[in-house]
Amino acid sequence: MATHTTKMLIIGSGPAGLSAAIYGARAGMQPIVVQGLQPGGQLTITTDVENYPGFRDVIQGPWLMQEMQAQAEHVGTRMLWDTIVSVDLSGPPFRAIGDGGDIYEGDTLVIATGAQAKWLGAPGEQEFSGKGVSACATCDGFFYRGKKVLVIGGGNTAVEEALYLTNHSQDVTLIHRRDSLRAEKILQDRLFAHPNIKVLWNKAVERFVGESGLTGVELKDTVTGETMVEPADGAFVAIGHAPATELFKDKLELDSSGYIIVEPGTPKTAIPGVFACGDVMDHTYRQAVTAAGTGCMAALDAERFVAAREFAARG
């Protein structure tokens, strides 16, 4: 068991955490990144990435995260492979404990633990992930231009995804297991008024079907019990996201969905010196580029926090 100390401790190694590390290292903060269960974050399970600025050709998500990590290490970041099991935010220094007992202490703490899309758990869902099944229309909708797509869900996320997909497809079907939507009324009004969207009510997903790629979704009527296969080139599971904030319950202010609450327009939490960036605090955009942007903001604010404390200590 060892103790690791730094001016900037970063939990999470997706675009937000690694961007924070790059900026922090260049500012002489000697950051430590604790990588967690999924080093590289959600992009490591994303294949084609076409919307990250700077690359004219399609790139691979895992490759992009490898490059970000290499850049962070090149400018002086220490990458440590551990899973944090508890935190003490009464600092500074702020303290995190790894599952092997190692202690990590930081004059500042940057939380970049991310969020994960919720999945149905239906047969074929993971098998066809990236081959017709997705949980992000903004990320993958372009690949279904002119094709038939399904959106599964009944809340704001599902309606927003269905509306977004009409930018690419003239054949969008929303599938919901009940007979009414949970989404806000203004979104429902837009959905029902759109000529390229139809809704299948009282339908639950039994399984995703296909061979080398998705060809359809088997649905079961929740009223009659009858089953049918709805043909589709793409299916978007849109039942929400779950932020990785279990560590911070009762220690930081969370919203009703579990996202960390920050000062609007900043990554600052209610605790001075503790910052949150990326999908763990962003339930609206959830893109790699916005996560990277907030990671940059967190590092700049962390640097200012340390500089102010050092100045005050000298004074």
Foldseek 3Di string as FASTA:
>chain_A
DAEAEWQEEEEAAALLRLLLLLLQLLLVRLYEYAHADDRHPPQCVFQWFCPDPDDNDTHGSNVVSVVSNVSSVVSRHHYHYFHWDAWDQPDVQTWTATPVGYIYTHNFYEYEQAKFWDDPPAAPQVVQDNQFEAADCVGCLQVQAAWAEEEEAAEPQRLVSQVVSVVRYLAYEYEYLADHGHYDPVSVVVQVPDNSYYYDYNWDFRYFDDDNGTQWTWIARNPPRDIDTDGTSHYHYGHAMAAPCPNCVVPFDADPRGAGDADPPAQHTPRPRYGYAANSHDRDDRDSVRRNVNSNRSSVSSSVSVVVVVVVVVD
